[in-house]
Amino acid sequence: MNNLEEQEQEILTVENQYWVDMNDALTRLENNKDFQKVVLSGYFRDKAINGVSLLANDQTINEGKRPAVIEGLIAISHLEDFFITIKNIGTLSPNDDDE
C-alpha cells in the first residue's frame, strides 16, 4: 500500500468512526424517556400530525399560511432523514465498503 492509499484508508477509518459514534449517541438518545417524549413522539409524530391537519384547515388556507406549515413538515422530515442516515451509515461493518 502506498502513502496515498494509506492516507485514504485513514480518512475512511476516521469518517466511519464518526458515523459509528453518531449511531451510538443516537441509540442512547432513543433509549432516553425524555427524548422519546419530546422528539420521537412530540416532534416526529404529534407535530407532524398537527401540521398535516392544518393543511386542510380553512383558516390556514384563507390566510395563506400553508407554505409555512409545509416548511415545518419539511423540517421534521429532514431531521428524521438525518437520523435514518446515521443509523444506515453507522451500522455498516468495515467490510461493507468493499462491496
PDB file of N, CA and C in Angstrom:
ATOM      1  N   MET A   1       0.851  -1.175   0.000  1.00  0.00           N
ATOM      2  CA  MET A   1       0.000   0.000   0.000  1.00  0.00           C
ATOM      3  C   MET A   1       0.896   1.237   0.000  1.00  0.00           C
ATOM      4  N   ASN A   2       0.640   2.139  -0.948  1.00  0.00           N
ATOM      5  CA  ASN A   2       1.454   3.349  -0.998  1.00  0.00           C
ATOM      6  C   ASN A   2       0.905   4.402  -0.029  1.00  0.00           C
ATOM      7  N   ASN A   3       1.628   5.507   0.069  1.00  0.00           N
ATOM      8  CA  ASN A   3       1.287   6.562   1.032  1.00  0.00           C
ATOM      9  C   ASN A   3      -0.108   7.130   0.779  1.00  0.00           C
ATOM     10  N   LEU A   4      -0.474   7.336  -0.493  1.00  0.00           N
ATOM     11  CA  LEU A   4      -1.795   7.885  -0.812  1.00  0.00           C
ATOM     12  C   LEU A   4      -2.895   6.917  -0.389  1.00  0.00           C
ATOM     13  N   GLU A   5      -2.707   5.638  -0.648  1.00  0.00           N
ATOM     14  CA  GLU A   5      -3.694   4.643  -0.235  1.00  0.00           C
ATOM     15  C   GLU A   5      -3.814   4.580   1.284  1.00  0.00           C
ATOM     16  N   GLU A   6      -2.696   4.703   1.977  1.00  0.00           N
ATOM     17  CA  GLU A   6      -2.717   4.709   3.442  1.00  0.00           C
ATOM     18  C   GLU A   6      -3.478   5.917   3.972  1.00  0.00           C
ATOM     19  N   GLN A   7      -3.281   7.079   3.355  1.00  0.00           N
ATOM     20  CA  GLN A   7      -3.987   8.295   3.772  1.00  0.00           C
ATOM     21  C   GLN A   7      -5.486   8.151   3.513  1.00  0.00           C
ATOM     22  N   GLU A   8      -5.848   7.608   2.357  1.00  0.00           N
ATOM     23  CA  GLU A   8      -7.262   7.414   2.040  1.00  0.00           C
ATOM     24  C   GLU A   8      -7.908   6.447   3.032  1.00  0.00           C
ATOM     25  N   GLN A   9      -7.195   5.385   3.370  1.00  0.00           N
ATOM     26  CA  GLN A   9      -7.717   4.407   4.329  1.00  0.00           C
ATOM     27  C   GLN A   9      -7.890   5.042   5.703  1.00  0.00           C
ATOM     28  N   GLU A  10      -6.936   5.887   6.094  1.00  0.00           N
ATOM     29  CA  GLU A  10      -7.035   6.570   7.383  1.00  0.00           C
ATOM     30  C   GLU A  10      -8.236   7.514   7.403  1.00  0.00           C
ATOM     31  N   ILE A  11      -8.465   8.216   6.318  1.00  0.00           N
ATOM     32  CA  ILE A  11      -9.616   9.118   6.223  1.00  0.00           C
ATOM     33  C   ILE A  11     -10.910   8.321   6.330  1.00  0.00           C
ATOM     34  N   LEU A  12     -10.983   7.196   5.628  1.00  0.00           N
ATOM     35  CA  LEU A  12     -12.179   6.352   5.696  1.00  0.00           C
ATOM     36  C   LEU A  12     -12.406   5.822   7.105  1.00  0.00           C
ATOM     37  N   THR A  13     -11.342   5.449   7.751  1.00  0.00           N
ATOM     38  CA  THR A  13     -11.452   4.937   9.118  1.00  0.00           C
ATOM     39  C   THR A  13     -11.985   6.010  10.059  1.00  0.00           C
ATOM     40  N   VAL A  14     -11.460   7.224   9.951  1.00  0.00           N
ATOM     41  CA  VAL A  14     -11.919   8.336  10.794  1.00  0.00           C
ATOM     42  C   VAL A  14     -13.380   8.656  10.490  1.00  0.00           C
ATOM     43  N   GLU A  15     -13.733   8.699   9.199  1.00  0.00           N
ATOM     44  CA  GLU A  15     -15.114   9.005   8.824  1.00  0.00           C
ATOM     45  C   GLU A  15     -16.061   7.905   9.298  1.00  0.00           C
ATOM     46  N   ASN A  16     -15.665   6.657   9.123  1.00  0.00           N
ATOM     47  CA  ASN A  16     -16.500   5.553   9.595  1.00  0.00           C
ATOM     48  C   ASN A  16     -16.696   5.628  11.099  1.00  0.00           C
ATOM     49  N   GLN A  17     -15.646   5.952  11.841  1.00  0.00           N
ATOM     50  CA  GLN A  17     -15.756   6.048  13.292  1.00  0.00           C
ATOM     51  C   GLN A  17     -16.698   7.175  13.695  1.00  0.00           C
ATOM     52  N   TYR A  18     -16.679   8.265  12.931  1.00  0.00           N
ATOM     53  CA  TYR A  18     -17.603   9.382  13.187  1.00  0.00           C
ATOM     54  C   TYR A  18     -19.049   8.880  13.162  1.00  0.00           C
ATOM     55  N   TRP A  19     -19.392   8.131  12.106  1.00  0.00           N
ATOM     56  CA  TRP A  19     -20.768   7.655  11.960  1.00  0.00           C
ATOM     57  C   TRP A  19     -21.108   6.588  13.001  1.00  0.00           C
ATOM     58  N   VAL A  20     -20.157   5.759  13.352  1.00  0.00           N
ATOM     59  CA  VAL A  20     -20.377   4.767  14.411  1.00  0.00           C
ATOM     60  C   VAL A  20     -20.647   5.481  15.731  1.00  0.00           C
ATOM     61  N   ASP A  21     -19.841   6.502  16.026  1.00  0.00           N
ATOM     62  CA  ASP A  21     -20.040   7.277  17.260  1.00  0.00           C
ATOM     63  C   ASP A  21     -21.389   7.994  17.247  1.00  0.00           C
ATOM     64  N   MET A  22     -21.762   8.544  16.103  1.00  0.00           N
ATOM     65  CA  MET A  22     -23.067   9.219  15.990  1.00  0.00           C
ATOM     66  C   MET A  22     -24.204   8.216  16.213  1.00  0.00           C
ATOM     67  N   ASN A  23     -24.065   7.027  15.655  1.00  0.00           N
ATOM     68  CA  ASN A  23     -25.093   5.998  15.826  1.00  0.00           C
ATOM     69  C   ASN A  23     -25.188   5.574  17.285  1.00  0.00           C
ATOM     70  N   ASP A  24     -24.052   5.420  17.946  1.00  0.00           N
ATOM     71  CA  ASP A  24     -24.069   5.081  19.371  1.00  0.00           C
ATOM     72  C   ASP A  24     -24.781   6.163  20.186  1.00  0.00           C
ATOM     73  N   ALA A  25     -24.486   7.416  19.886  1.00  0.00           N
ATOM     74  CA  ALA A  25     -25.122   8.531  20.595  1.00  0.00           C
ATOM     75  C   ALA A  25     -26.625   8.567  20.324  1.00  0.00           C
ATOM     76  N   LEU A  26     -27.011   8.351  19.070  1.00  0.00           N
ATOM     77  CA  LEU A  26     -28.432   8.348  18.722  1.00  0.00           C
ATOM     78  C   LEU A  26     -29.154   7.199  19.425  1.00  0.00           C
ATOM     79  N   THR A  27     -28.516   6.058  19.493  1.00  0.00           N
ATOM     80  CA  THR A  27     -29.109   4.913  20.186  1.00  0.00           C
ATOM     81  C   THR A  27     -29.341   5.240  21.660  1.00  0.00           C
ATOM     82  N   ARG A  28     -28.359   5.881  22.287  1.00  0.00           N
ATOM     83  CA  ARG A  28     -28.540   6.282  23.694  1.00  0.00           C
ATOM     84  C   ARG A  28     -29.690   7.282  23.822  1.00  0.00           C
ATOM     85  N   LEU A  29     -29.755   8.228  22.897  1.00  0.00           N
ATOM     86  CA  LEU A  29     -30.852   9.205  22.944  1.00  0.00           C
ATOM     87  C   LEU A  29     -32.207   8.518  22.799  1.00  0.00           C
ATOM     88  N   GLU A  30     -32.300   7.610  21.853  1.00  0.00           N
ATOM     89  CA  GLU A  30     -33.584   6.940  21.609  1.00  0.00           C
ATOM     90  C   GLU A  30     -34.034   6.100  22.795  1.00  0.00           C
ATOM     91  N   ASN A  31     -33.119   5.734  23.658  1.00  0.00           N
ATOM     92  CA  ASN A  31     -33.477   4.987  24.863  1.00  0.00           C
ATOM     93  C   ASN A  31     -33.819   5.900  26.038  1.00  0.00           C
ATOM     94  N   ASN A  32     -33.643   7.198  25.865  1.00  0.00           N
ATOM     95  CA  ASN A  32     -33.933   8.176  26.904  1.00  0.00           C
ATOM     96  C   ASN A  32     -35.423   8.535  26.847  1.00  0.00           C
ATOM     97  N   LYS A  33     -36.121   8.382  27.956  1.00  0.00           N
ATOM     98  CA  LYS A  33     -37.575   8.626  28.008  1.00  0.00           C
ATOM     99  C   LYS A  33     -37.943  10.057  27.623  1.00  0.00           C
ATOM    100  N   ASP A  34     -37.130  11.037  28.037  1.00  0.00           N
ATOM    101  CA  ASP A  34     -37.425  12.428  27.687  1.00  0.00           C
ATOM    102  C   ASP A  34     -37.280  12.653  26.181  1.00  0.00           C
ATOM    103  N   PHE A  35     -36.246  12.069  25.584  1.00  0.00           N
ATOM    104  CA  PHE A  35     -36.055  12.188  24.129  1.00  0.00           C
ATOM    105  C   PHE A  35     -37.218  11.524  23.396  1.00  0.00           C
ATOM    106  N   GLN A  36     -37.631  10.372  23.883  1.00  0.00           N
ATOM    107  CA  GLN A  36     -38.761   9.680  23.271  1.00  0.00           C
ATOM    108  C   GLN A  36     -40.013  10.557  23.292  1.00  0.00           C
ATOM    109  N   LYS A  37     -40.240  11.199  24.442  1.00  0.00           N
ATOM    110  CA  LYS A  37     -41.436  12.022  24.601  1.00  0.00           C
ATOM    111  C   LYS A  37     -41.366  13.295  23.756  1.00  0.00           C
ATOM    112  N   VAL A  38     -40.243  14.008  23.848  1.00  0.00           N
ATOM    113  CA  VAL A  38     -40.137  15.310  23.182  1.00  0.00           C
ATOM    114  C   VAL A  38     -39.927  15.182  21.679  1.00  0.00           C
ATOM    115  N   VAL A  39     -38.978  14.353  21.276  1.00  0.00           N
ATOM    116  CA  VAL A  39     -38.606  14.303  19.857  1.00  0.00           C
ATOM    117  C   VAL A  39     -39.387  13.232  19.100  1.00  0.00           C
ATOM    118  N   LEU A  40     -39.302  11.992  19.550  1.00  0.00           N
ATOM    119  CA  LEU A  40     -39.923  10.916  18.786  1.00  0.00           C
ATOM    120  C   LEU A  40     -41.445  11.013  18.788  1.00  0.00           C
ATOM    121  N   SER A  41     -42.039  11.276  19.938  1.00  0.00           N
ATOM    122  CA  SER A  41     -43.499  11.387  19.993  1.00  0.00           C
ATOM    123  C   SER A  41     -43.979  12.808  19.717  1.00  0.00           C
ATOM    124  N   GLY A  42     -43.393  13.772  20.429  1.00  0.00           N
ATOM    125  CA  GLY A  42     -43.861  15.146  20.316  1.00  0.00           C
ATOM    126  C   GLY A  42     -43.585  15.790  18.975  1.00  0.00           C
ATOM    127  N   TYR A  43     -42.379  15.609  18.463  1.00  0.00           N
ATOM    128  CA  TYR A  43     -41.992  16.286  17.218  1.00  0.00           C
ATOM    129  C   TYR A  43     -42.296  15.434  15.989  1.00  0.00           C
ATOM    130  N   PHE A  44     -41.775  14.229  15.948  1.00  0.00           N
ATOM    131  CA  PHE A  44     -41.956  13.398  14.761  1.00  0.00           C
ATOM    132  C   PHE A  44     -43.400  12.963  14.555  1.00  0.00           C
ATOM    133  N   ARG A  45     -44.129  12.715  15.626  1.00  0.00           N
ATOM    134  CA  ARG A  45     -45.491  12.228  15.469  1.00  0.00           C
ATOM    135  C   ARG A  45     -46.522  13.342  15.634  1.00  0.00           C
ATOM    136  N   ASP A  46     -46.586  13.918  16.836  1.00  0.00           N
ATOM    137  CA  ASP A  46     -47.664  14.866  17.140  1.00  0.00           C
ATOM    138  C   ASP A  46     -47.588  16.137  16.294  1.00  0.00           C
ATOM    139  N   LYS A  47     -46.412  16.737  16.221  1.00  0.00           N
ATOM    140  CA  LYS A  47     -46.278  17.971  15.442  1.00  0.00           C
ATOM    141  C   LYS A  47     -46.549  17.707  13.959  1.00  0.00           C
ATOM    142  N   ALA A  48     -46.105  16.539  13.464  1.00  0.00           N
ATOM    143  CA  ALA A  48     -46.353  16.196  12.061  1.00  0.00           C
ATOM    144  C   ALA A  48     -47.850  16.017  11.799  1.00  0.00           C
ATOM    145  N   ILE A  49     -48.535  15.325  12.692  1.00  0.00           N
ATOM    146  CA  ILE A  49     -49.980  15.125  12.529  1.00  0.00           C
ATOM    147  C   ILE A  49     -50.715  16.458  12.587  1.00  0.00           C
ATOM    148  N   ASN A  50     -50.329  17.314  13.533  1.00  0.00           N
ATOM    149  CA  ASN A  50     -50.964  18.635  13.625  1.00  0.00           C
ATOM    150  C   ASN A  50     -50.724  19.451  12.366  1.00  0.00           C
ATOM    151  N   GLY A  51     -49.511  19.384  11.823  1.00  0.00           N
ATOM    152  CA  GLY A  51     -49.192  20.121  10.604  1.00  0.00           C
ATOM    153  C   GLY A  51     -50.006  19.641   9.419  1.00  0.00           C
ATOM    154  N   VAL A  52     -50.133  18.341   9.282  1.00  0.00           N
ATOM    155  CA  VAL A  52     -50.937  17.789   8.190  1.00  0.00           C
ATOM    156  C   VAL A  52     -52.389  18.228   8.351  1.00  0.00           C
ATOM    157  N   SER A  53     -52.894  18.219   9.571  1.00  0.00           N
ATOM    158  CA  SER A  53     -54.277  18.659   9.815  1.00  0.00           C
ATOM    159  C   SER A  53     -54.472  20.123   9.450  1.00  0.00           C
ATOM    160  N   LEU A  54     -53.461  20.948   9.739  1.00  0.00           N
ATOM    161  CA  LEU A  54     -53.560  22.375   9.424  1.00  0.00           C
ATOM    162  C   LEU A  54     -53.649  22.644   7.926  1.00  0.00           C
ATOM    163  N   LEU A  55     -53.078  21.762   7.121  1.00  0.00           N
ATOM    164  CA  LEU A  55     -53.095  21.974   5.669  1.00  0.00           C
ATOM    165  C   LEU A  55     -54.510  22.029   5.116  1.00  0.00           C
ATOM    166  N   ALA A  56     -55.437  21.308   5.737  1.00  0.00           N
ATOM    167  CA  ALA A  56     -56.821  21.286   5.272  1.00  0.00           C
ATOM    168  C   ALA A  56     -57.712  22.294   5.998  1.00  0.00           C
ATOM    169  N   ASN A  57     -57.159  23.002   6.963  1.00  0.00           N
ATOM    170  CA  ASN A  57     -57.919  23.963   7.751  1.00  0.00           C
ATOM    171  C   ASN A  57     -58.237  25.194   6.904  1.00  0.00           C
ATOM    172  N   ASP A  58     -59.517  25.592   6.873  1.00  0.00           N
ATOM    173  CA  ASP A  58     -59.941  26.739   6.063  1.00  0.00           C
ATOM    174  C   ASP A  58     -59.205  28.021   6.431  1.00  0.00           C
ATOM    175  N   GLN A  59     -59.009  28.255   7.712  1.00  0.00           N
ATOM    176  CA  GLN A  59     -58.321  29.469   8.145  1.00  0.00           C
ATOM    177  C   GLN A  59     -56.875  29.480   7.642  1.00  0.00           C
ATOM    178  N   THR A  60     -56.206  28.338   7.713  1.00  0.00           N
ATOM    179  CA  THR A  60     -54.833  28.229   7.205  1.00  0.00           C
ATOM    180  C   THR A  60     -54.794  28.535   5.717  1.00  0.00           C
ATOM    181  N   ILE A  61     -55.745  27.998   5.001  1.00  0.00           N
ATOM    182  CA  ILE A  61     -55.813  28.213   3.545  1.00  0.00           C
ATOM    183  C   ILE A  61     -56.118  29.676   3.246  1.00  0.00           C
ATOM    184  N   ASN A  62     -57.160  30.227   3.884  1.00  0.00           N
ATOM    185  CA  ASN A  62     -57.592  31.602   3.611  1.00  0.00           C
ATOM    186  C   ASN A  62     -56.536  32.643   3.983  1.00  0.00           C
ATOM    187  N   GLU A  63     -55.735  32.343   5.006  1.00  0.00           N
ATOM    188  CA  GLU A  63     -54.702  33.289   5.432  1.00  0.00           C
ATOM    189  C   GLU A  63     -53.369  33.049   4.718  1.00  0.00           C
ATOM    190  N   GLY A  64     -53.344  32.090   3.810  1.00  0.00           N
ATOM    191  CA  GLY A  64     -52.128  31.826   3.040  1.00  0.00           C
ATOM    192  C   GLY A  64     -50.980  31.284   3.878  1.00  0.00           C
ATOM    193  N   LYS A  65     -51.315  30.516   4.907  1.00  0.00           N
ATOM    194  CA  LYS A  65     -50.278  30.017   5.811  1.00  0.00           C
ATOM    195  C   LYS A  65     -49.797  28.602   5.473  1.00  0.00           C
ATOM    196  N   ARG A  66     -50.319  28.041   4.394  1.00  0.00           N
ATOM    197  CA  ARG A  66     -49.914  26.684   4.029  1.00  0.00           C
ATOM    198  C   ARG A  66     -48.406  26.553   3.786  1.00  0.00           C
ATOM    199  N   PRO A  67     -47.774  27.498   3.092  1.00  0.00           N
ATOM    200  CA  PRO A  67     -46.322  27.341   2.876  1.00  0.00           C
ATOM    201  C   PRO A  67     -45.534  27.225   4.186  1.00  0.00           C
ATOM    202  N   ALA A  68     -45.917  27.977   5.192  1.00  0.00           N
ATOM    203  CA  ALA A  68     -45.219  27.900   6.482  1.00  0.00           C
ATOM    204  C   ALA A  68     -45.434  26.538   7.136  1.00  0.00           C
ATOM    205  N   VAL A  69     -46.644  26.013   7.024  1.00  0.00           N
ATOM    206  CA  VAL A  69     -46.938  24.694   7.584  1.00  0.00           C
ATOM    207  C   VAL A  69     -46.121  23.622   6.852  1.00  0.00           C
ATOM    208  N   ILE A  70     -46.067  23.729   5.535  1.00  0.00           N
ATOM    209  CA  ILE A  70     -45.297  22.772   4.736  1.00  0.00           C
ATOM    210  C   ILE A  70     -43.819  22.836   5.100  1.00  0.00           C
ATOM    211  N   GLU A  71     -43.288  24.027   5.300  1.00  0.00           N
ATOM    212  CA  GLU A  71     -41.878  24.160   5.707  1.00  0.00           C
ATOM    213  C   GLU A  71     -41.626  23.485   7.053  1.00  0.00           C
ATOM    214  N   GLY A  72     -42.581  23.582   7.959  1.00  0.00           N
ATOM    215  CA  GLY A  72     -42.459  22.895   9.240  1.00  0.00           C
ATOM    216  C   GLY A  72     -42.427  21.383   9.058  1.00  0.00           C
ATOM    217  N   LEU A  73     -43.265  20.869   8.176  1.00  0.00           N
ATOM    218  CA  LEU A  73     -43.273  19.432   7.897  1.00  0.00           C
ATOM    219  C   LEU A  73     -41.975  18.991   7.229  1.00  0.00           C
ATOM    220  N   ILE A  74     -41.442  19.833   6.371  1.00  0.00           N
ATOM    221  CA  ILE A  74     -40.164  19.523   5.725  1.00  0.00           C
ATOM    222  C   ILE A  74     -39.048  19.460   6.769  1.00  0.00           C
ATOM    223  N   ALA A  75     -39.076  20.363   7.743  1.00  0.00           N
ATOM    224  CA  ALA A  75     -38.063  20.351   8.808  1.00  0.00           C
ATOM    225  C   ALA A  75     -38.112  19.035   9.590  1.00  0.00           C
ATOM    226  N   ILE A  76     -39.311  18.576   9.889  1.00  0.00           N
ATOM    227  CA  ILE A  76     -39.468  17.296  10.579  1.00  0.00           C
ATOM    228  C   ILE A  76     -38.869  16.178   9.733  1.00  0.00           C
ATOM    229  N   SER A  77     -39.171  16.208   8.458  1.00  0.00           N
ATOM    230  CA  SER A  77     -38.669  15.190   7.540  1.00  0.00           C
ATOM    231  C   SER A  77     -37.150  15.192   7.452  1.00  0.00           C
ATOM    232  N   HIS A  78     -36.549  16.372   7.430  1.00  0.00           N
ATOM    233  CA  HIS A  78     -35.083  16.471   7.357  1.00  0.00           C
ATOM    234  C   HIS A  78     -34.412  15.877   8.596  1.00  0.00           C
ATOM    235  N   LEU A  79     -34.950  16.166   9.765  1.00  0.00           N
ATOM    236  CA  LEU A  79     -34.351  15.625  10.982  1.00  0.00           C
ATOM    237  C   LEU A  79     -34.503  14.112  11.026  1.00  0.00           C
ATOM    238  N   GLU A  80     -35.678  13.635  10.677  1.00  0.00           N
ATOM    239  CA  GLU A  80     -35.888  12.185  10.668  1.00  0.00           C
ATOM    240  C   GLU A  80     -34.969  11.507   9.647  1.00  0.00           C
ATOM    241  N   ASP A  81     -34.791  12.129   8.489  1.00  0.00           N
ATOM    242  CA  ASP A  81     -33.891  11.591   7.469  1.00  0.00           C
ATOM    243  C   ASP A  81     -32.445  11.565   7.977  1.00  0.00           C
ATOM    244  N   PHE A  82     -32.048  12.586   8.721  1.00  0.00           N
ATOM    245  CA  PHE A  82     -30.694  12.616   9.292  1.00  0.00           C
ATOM    246  C   PHE A  82     -30.497  11.450  10.259  1.00  0.00           C
ATOM    247  N   PHE A  83     -31.503  11.183  11.072  1.00  0.00           N
ATOM    248  CA  PHE A  83     -31.415  10.050  11.992  1.00  0.00           C
ATOM    249  C   PHE A  83     -31.312   8.730  11.230  1.00  0.00           C
ATOM    250  N   ILE A  84     -32.063   8.598  10.162  1.00  0.00           N
ATOM    251  CA  ILE A  84     -32.008   7.385   9.337  1.00  0.00           C
ATOM    252  C   ILE A  84     -30.627   7.238   8.706  1.00  0.00           C
ATOM    253  N   THR A  85     -30.058   8.342   8.234  1.00  0.00           N
ATOM    254  CA  THR A  85     -28.714   8.319   7.656  1.00  0.00           C
ATOM    255  C   THR A  85     -27.695   7.859   8.690  1.00  0.00           C
ATOM    256  N   ILE A  86     -27.790   8.390   9.906  1.00  0.00           N
ATOM    257  CA  ILE A  86     -26.879   7.985  10.981  1.00  0.00           C
ATOM    258  C   ILE A  86     -26.973   6.482  11.203  1.00  0.00           C
ATOM    259  N   LYS A  87     -28.195   5.971  11.273  1.00  0.00           N
ATOM    260  CA  LYS A  87     -28.373   4.540  11.512  1.00  0.00           C
ATOM    261  C   LYS A  87     -27.827   3.708  10.355  1.00  0.00           C
ATOM    262  N   ASN A  88     -28.115   4.126   9.138  1.00  0.00           N
ATOM    263  CA  ASN A  88     -27.671   3.361   7.968  1.00  0.00           C
ATOM    264  C   ASN A  88     -26.156   3.330   7.843  1.00  0.00           C
ATOM    265  N   ILE A  89     -25.515   4.466   7.979  1.00  0.00           N
ATOM    266  CA  ILE A  89     -24.063   4.522   7.827  1.00  0.00           C
ATOM    267  C   ILE A  89     -23.366   4.025   9.086  1.00  0.00           C
ATOM    268  N   GLY A  90     -23.909   4.339  10.236  1.00  0.00           N
ATOM    269  CA  GLY A  90     -23.270   3.987  11.499  1.00  0.00           C
ATOM    270  C   GLY A  90     -23.309   2.522  11.840  1.00  0.00           C
ATOM    271  N   THR A  91     -24.146   1.760  11.134  1.00  0.00           N
ATOM    272  CA  THR A  91     -24.221   0.324  11.410  1.00  0.00           C
ATOM    273  C   THR A  91     -23.559  -0.515  10.329  1.00  0.00           C
ATOM    274  N   LEU A  92     -22.952   0.140   9.329  1.00  0.00           N
ATOM    275  CA  LEU A  92     -22.227  -0.605   8.304  1.00  0.00           C
ATOM    276  C   LEU A  92     -20.980  -1.211   8.920  1.00  0.00           C
ATOM    277  N   SER A  93     -20.691  -2.441   8.561  1.00  0.00           N
ATOM    278  CA  SER A  93     -19.440  -3.031   9.015  1.00  0.00           C
ATOM    279  C   SER A  93     -18.339  -2.566   8.054  1.00  0.00           C
ATOM    280  N   PRO A  94     -17.090  -2.540   8.483  1.00  0.00           N
ATOM    281  CA  PRO A  94     -15.999  -2.092   7.612  1.00  0.00           C
ATOM    282  C   PRO A  94     -15.924  -2.882   6.317  1.00  0.00           C
ATOM    283  N   ASN A  95     -16.343  -4.121   6.307  1.00  0.00           N
ATOM    284  CA  ASN A  95     -16.302  -4.942   5.107  1.00  0.00           C
ATOM    285  C   ASN A  95     -17.374  -4.564   4.101  1.00  0.00           C
ATOM    286  N   ASP A  96     -18.432  -3.873   4.543  1.00  0.00           N
ATOM    287  CA  ASP A  96     -19.497  -3.461   3.628  1.00  0.00           C
ATOM    288  C   ASP A  96     -19.013  -2.453   2.601  1.00  0.00           C
ATOM    289  N   ASP A  97     -17.957  -1.709   2.903  1.00  0.00           N
ATOM    290  CA  ASP A  97     -17.421  -0.712   1.981  1.00  0.00           C
ATOM    291  C   ASP A  97     -16.823  -1.368   0.732  1.00  0.00           C
ATOM    292  N   ASP A  98     -16.399  -2.613   0.856  1.00  0.00           N
ATOM    293  CA  ASP A  98     -15.739  -3.290  -0.249  1.00  0.00           C
ATOM    294  C   ASP A  98     -16.716  -3.788  -1.299  1.00  0.00           C
ATOM    295  N   GLU A  99     -17.992  -3.866  -0.985  1.00  0.00           N
ATOM    296  CA  GLU A  99     -18.994  -4.407  -1.912  1.00  0.00           C
ATOM    297  C   GLU A  99     -19.406  -3.397  -2.937  1.00  0.00           C
TER     298      GLU A  99
END
